[in-house]
Amino acid sequence: MNPIRKLASQTAIYGLSSIVGRFLNYLLVPLYTYSFKTGQYGVVSEFYAYSGFFSVLLVFGLETGFFRFSQEEEKKEKVYSTALSFVMLANVLFLLLIVLFVNPLAASLRYPQHHEYFYWFALILAFDSISSIPFARLRAENKAIKFVAIKLLEIGILVALNIFFIVICREAGEKNPNSWLGSLYKPEIGVGYIFISNLIASSIKMFLLFPMLLGIRGGIDRELFGKMIRYSMPMVIIGFAGIINEMLDRMVLKFLLPYDNATNMQQLGIYGACYKLSILMTLFIQAFRYAAEPFFFSHAKENGSRKIYADVMKYFVIVCVFVFLLVMLYLHWFQDFIGKDFRVGLPVVPILLMANLFLGVYVNLSIWYKLTDKTMMGAWVSIAGAVITLVLNILWVPIWGYMGAAWATFICYAFMALVSYLLGRKFYPVDYDVKAILGYILLGLGIWQGYVLLTQNIFATQPFWMTATPLMLLFLLIIWFTEGRKLFQRFRLSAKV
């Protein structure tokens, strides 16, 4: 199979769990934003921002380490056992630390009355971190269907439980509090039902992966572990810095905004909800990352691999620009996914979409340090991005609020993509079609700005979709004439071979 066609098919399969699953989860956003106030939803945004940090830290980069050291079939079991055993031990220690230090932790984060949030999230993080190693093995063995089935089931259970607790039980509690359904809903728990639903779903996922967890029987090979952790720890720094870039704004908003705590939590809730409108870009990047990491490693030693990587980058950017236009041209429809009180934050959406596009470019460019084992250099790029995020948030959030946070995210990812490209030219040169890539990004921005001008002036009285749809078709037509026909011919030839 043509390598790009293979990558596209793998991305589509993984995307089924990522896009379909996360889309179901995305449908919960209107449930949350119509059921809870802005300040209450701010709690959800904050805790899931914290969980992003620990989801990286508690895996120790051993997902990528597993791919790197399991290329030889005879070592695969030993590599798997070593990675899984260490991650399980580390997460047990993490749970113990949360139990011991929950009082000062809850007080410092201003949740002294909700210790249960920390217990629930600690268990969620431990279950998700441990399961990441079995999921990495499924990806390495190309068992995408099993991977997708478990992921979709987890998301399906999560969605069902949210609806059960927040809609069915809540309504029963209001109408008939003495019924068994009504007794399950306690108003004081509130957004805690979101966390409870997540915990139950993660527990069921762990149960389904239990046969693969028996891989710990092989224990930890100390010599192998030393090699793996030296390779993987820089990946923790990279991932940790990446989470700072992605999540820090939602963690620090309530501390940096110049209002009272209640208003700050409302602003956080608005920003967190509008951030969700960039989810389509995030979903595509996540699906691509699942498929691309093993793809890049498996093709590294083949002739013409760098040409393949260059083509992948170009087609990736085209899809990202399409997603950008899909959201921005039809934002009048997408905005209905969040409550009216949250829509004041819509101006952050195009900034966050473009920020995520550059994040995706950086994901593509990251092959230079992964394939050359220069992961520490890659870590320094991520650290520099994290410093930029931190400094700009401190400078801009007190002045411009969440708009400052959005611009900080964009500048960080654009910087990381640029620096990674320059370093890649030196250590692992790939002949990316930079002119075409920048041209497609500018084309997308130009079409969007044309839409804004037309809908505000010439076609201001017409339904927005009458302007959006021809412009979207124009973009697709341009892509077909510049790239589509060539790619279609390549796929046809590869299918015949």
Foldseek 3Di string as FASTA:
>chain_A
DPLVVVLVVLLVLLLCLLVVLVVLVLLCQAVDQVQDALLVLLVVLQVVLVLLLLLLVLQLQLLLLLLVPCPDPVCNLQSLLQSLLVSLVSLVVVLVVCVVPLQVVCVVLVNNPCSVLSNLSSLLSSLSSSVSSVLSVCLLVVVSVVSSVLSNQLSVQLSVQCCLARPVLCVCLVVPCPDPSVVVHDVVCPCVSNSVSSSVSSVVSCVVCVVVSVSNVSPHDVVSVVVSSVLRNLVSLLSNLVSLLVRVLSNCQLVQAPDDNSVSSSLSSLLSSLLSLLVVLVSSLVSSLSSVSSSCVVCVPPPPSLVVLQVSLLVLLLVLLLSLLVCLLVVVVSVSSHDPSSCVPNVLNSLQSLLSSLLSLLSSLVSLCSVVSVSNVSSVLSVVLSVQLVVQCNVPCHPPNVSSNSNSSSVSSNSSSVVSQVVCCVRPNHPHPVVSSVVSNVLSVVLSVVLVVCCVPVVVPPDSVVSSVVSSVVSVVVCCVPPVVVVVVVVVVVVVD
